[in-house]
Amino acid sequence: MRVKIGLKCTECGDINYTTTKNSKTHSEKFEVRKYSPRLKKHTIHKEVKLKS
């Protein structure tokens, strides 16, 4: 079962990216370094739930 998630910047708080993940095989929170357009640099983005 795939669920939609958003990737929220830890520094500015914006949800800059959306993706899906398989909740059965990856139960832990997703965390990745992505580009933040507001800050114009790469920052850590953490998984948040999206309203579906």
N, C-alpha and C. Protein backbone atom coordinates (compact mmCIF):
# COMPACT_ATOMS: atom_id res chain seq x y z
N MET A 1 0.84 -1.18 0.00
CA MET A 1 0.00 0.00 0.00
C MET A 1 0.89 1.24 0.00
N ARG A 2 0.76 2.05 -1.03
CA ARG A 2 1.56 3.27 -1.15
C ARG A 2 0.76 4.45 -0.63
N VAL A 3 1.43 5.32 0.12
CA VAL A 3 0.78 6.50 0.67
C VAL A 3 1.53 7.74 0.20
N LYS A 4 0.79 8.85 0.02
CA LYS A 4 1.41 10.10 -0.37
C LYS A 4 2.01 10.77 0.86
N ILE A 5 3.23 11.30 0.69
CA ILE A 5 3.88 12.03 1.77
C ILE A 5 4.45 13.33 1.21
N GLY A 6 4.62 14.29 2.08
CA GLY A 6 5.28 15.53 1.71
C GLY A 6 6.63 15.59 2.37
N LEU A 7 7.56 16.33 1.75
CA LEU A 7 8.88 16.51 2.33
C LEU A 7 9.00 17.96 2.78
N LYS A 8 9.08 18.16 4.09
CA LYS A 8 9.07 19.49 4.70
C LYS A 8 10.48 19.89 5.10
N CYS A 9 10.88 21.09 4.73
CA CYS A 9 12.19 21.63 5.06
C CYS A 9 12.27 21.86 6.57
N THR A 10 13.36 21.43 7.18
CA THR A 10 13.52 21.59 8.62
C THR A 10 13.91 23.02 8.99
N GLU A 11 14.45 23.79 8.06
CA GLU A 11 14.88 25.15 8.38
C GLU A 11 13.80 26.20 8.14
N CYS A 12 13.12 26.14 6.98
CA CYS A 12 12.12 27.18 6.69
C CYS A 12 10.69 26.70 6.93
N GLY A 13 10.44 25.37 6.97
CA GLY A 13 9.12 24.85 7.27
C GLY A 13 8.21 24.68 6.06
N ASP A 14 8.72 24.93 4.86
CA ASP A 14 7.90 24.76 3.65
C ASP A 14 7.88 23.30 3.22
N ILE A 15 6.74 22.86 2.67
CA ILE A 15 6.64 21.54 2.05
C ILE A 15 6.97 21.74 0.58
N ASN A 16 8.19 21.40 0.19
CA ASN A 16 8.68 21.67 -1.15
C ASN A 16 8.49 20.52 -2.12
N TYR A 17 8.37 19.29 -1.63
CA TYR A 17 8.31 18.11 -2.50
C TYR A 17 7.22 17.17 -2.00
N THR A 18 6.66 16.40 -2.94
CA THR A 18 5.73 15.33 -2.59
C THR A 18 6.20 14.05 -3.26
N THR A 19 5.92 12.93 -2.63
CA THR A 19 6.31 11.64 -3.17
C THR A 19 5.40 10.57 -2.56
N THR A 20 5.64 9.33 -2.89
CA THR A 20 4.90 8.22 -2.29
C THR A 20 5.90 7.25 -1.68
N LYS A 21 5.41 6.47 -0.71
CA LYS A 21 6.25 5.43 -0.14
C LYS A 21 5.38 4.24 0.22
N ASN A 22 6.00 3.08 0.25
CA ASN A 22 5.33 1.85 0.65
C ASN A 22 5.38 1.77 2.17
N SER A 23 4.23 1.91 2.82
CA SER A 23 4.21 1.97 4.29
C SER A 23 4.45 0.61 4.94
N LYS A 24 4.27 -0.48 4.21
CA LYS A 24 4.51 -1.80 4.80
C LYS A 24 6.00 -2.13 4.88
N THR A 25 6.77 -1.72 3.88
CA THR A 25 8.19 -2.05 3.88
C THR A 25 9.06 -0.97 4.51
N HIS A 26 8.57 0.28 4.56
CA HIS A 26 9.34 1.39 5.14
C HIS A 26 8.49 2.08 6.20
N SER A 27 8.54 1.56 7.41
CA SER A 27 7.71 2.11 8.48
C SER A 27 8.35 3.32 9.15
N GLU A 28 9.67 3.49 9.00
CA GLU A 28 10.34 4.62 9.64
C GLU A 28 10.13 5.90 8.83
N LYS A 29 10.37 7.04 9.48
CA LYS A 29 10.20 8.34 8.82
C LYS A 29 11.29 8.53 7.76
N PHE A 30 10.89 9.11 6.64
CA PHE A 30 11.79 9.36 5.52
C PHE A 30 12.49 10.70 5.74
N GLU A 31 13.80 10.75 5.50
CA GLU A 31 14.57 11.97 5.67
C GLU A 31 15.65 12.03 4.58
N VAL A 32 15.74 13.17 3.89
CA VAL A 32 16.68 13.28 2.77
C VAL A 32 17.10 14.74 2.61
N ARG A 33 18.30 14.95 2.05
CA ARG A 33 18.76 16.31 1.75
C ARG A 33 18.25 16.70 0.37
N LYS A 34 17.50 17.80 0.30
CA LYS A 34 16.94 18.29 -0.96
C LYS A 34 17.18 19.80 -1.03
N TYR A 35 16.97 20.35 -2.23
CA TYR A 35 17.15 21.79 -2.46
C TYR A 35 15.93 22.55 -1.97
N SER A 36 16.15 23.61 -1.20
CA SER A 36 15.08 24.48 -0.73
C SER A 36 15.11 25.77 -1.56
N PRO A 37 14.08 26.01 -2.38
CA PRO A 37 14.08 27.19 -3.24
C PRO A 37 14.07 28.51 -2.46
N ARG A 38 13.42 28.55 -1.32
CA ARG A 38 13.35 29.78 -0.54
C ARG A 38 14.73 30.15 0.01
N LEU A 39 15.45 29.17 0.53
CA LEU A 39 16.76 29.42 1.12
C LEU A 39 17.90 29.37 0.10
N LYS A 40 17.61 28.81 -1.08
CA LYS A 40 18.59 28.67 -2.17
C LYS A 40 19.81 27.84 -1.74
N LYS A 41 19.54 26.74 -1.00
CA LYS A 41 20.60 25.81 -0.62
C LYS A 41 19.97 24.46 -0.28
N HIS A 42 20.80 23.45 -0.15
CA HIS A 42 20.34 22.11 0.20
C HIS A 42 20.16 22.02 1.72
N THR A 43 19.01 21.49 2.14
CA THR A 43 18.72 21.32 3.56
C THR A 43 18.09 19.94 3.77
N ILE A 44 17.96 19.55 5.02
CA ILE A 44 17.32 18.27 5.35
C ILE A 44 15.81 18.45 5.26
N HIS A 45 15.15 17.53 4.56
CA HIS A 45 13.69 17.51 4.45
C HIS A 45 13.18 16.25 5.12
N LYS A 46 12.16 16.39 5.95
CA LYS A 46 11.60 15.24 6.67
C LYS A 46 10.18 14.98 6.19
N GLU A 47 9.76 13.75 6.36
CA GLU A 47 8.43 13.30 5.92
C GLU A 47 7.32 13.88 6.79
N VAL A 48 6.24 14.34 6.14
CA VAL A 48 5.03 14.76 6.81
C VAL A 48 3.84 14.17 6.07
N LYS A 49 2.72 13.97 6.77
CA LYS A 49 1.52 13.45 6.14
C LYS A 49 0.84 14.54 5.32
N LEU A 50 0.25 14.16 4.20
CA LEU A 50 -0.51 15.07 3.37
C LEU A 50 -1.99 14.76 3.52
N LYS A 51 -2.80 15.78 3.40
CA LYS A 51 -4.25 15.58 3.42
C LYS A 51 -4.66 14.99 2.08
N SER A 52 -5.30 13.83 2.11
CA SER A 52 -5.66 13.19 0.84
C SER A 52 -7.14 13.14 0.59
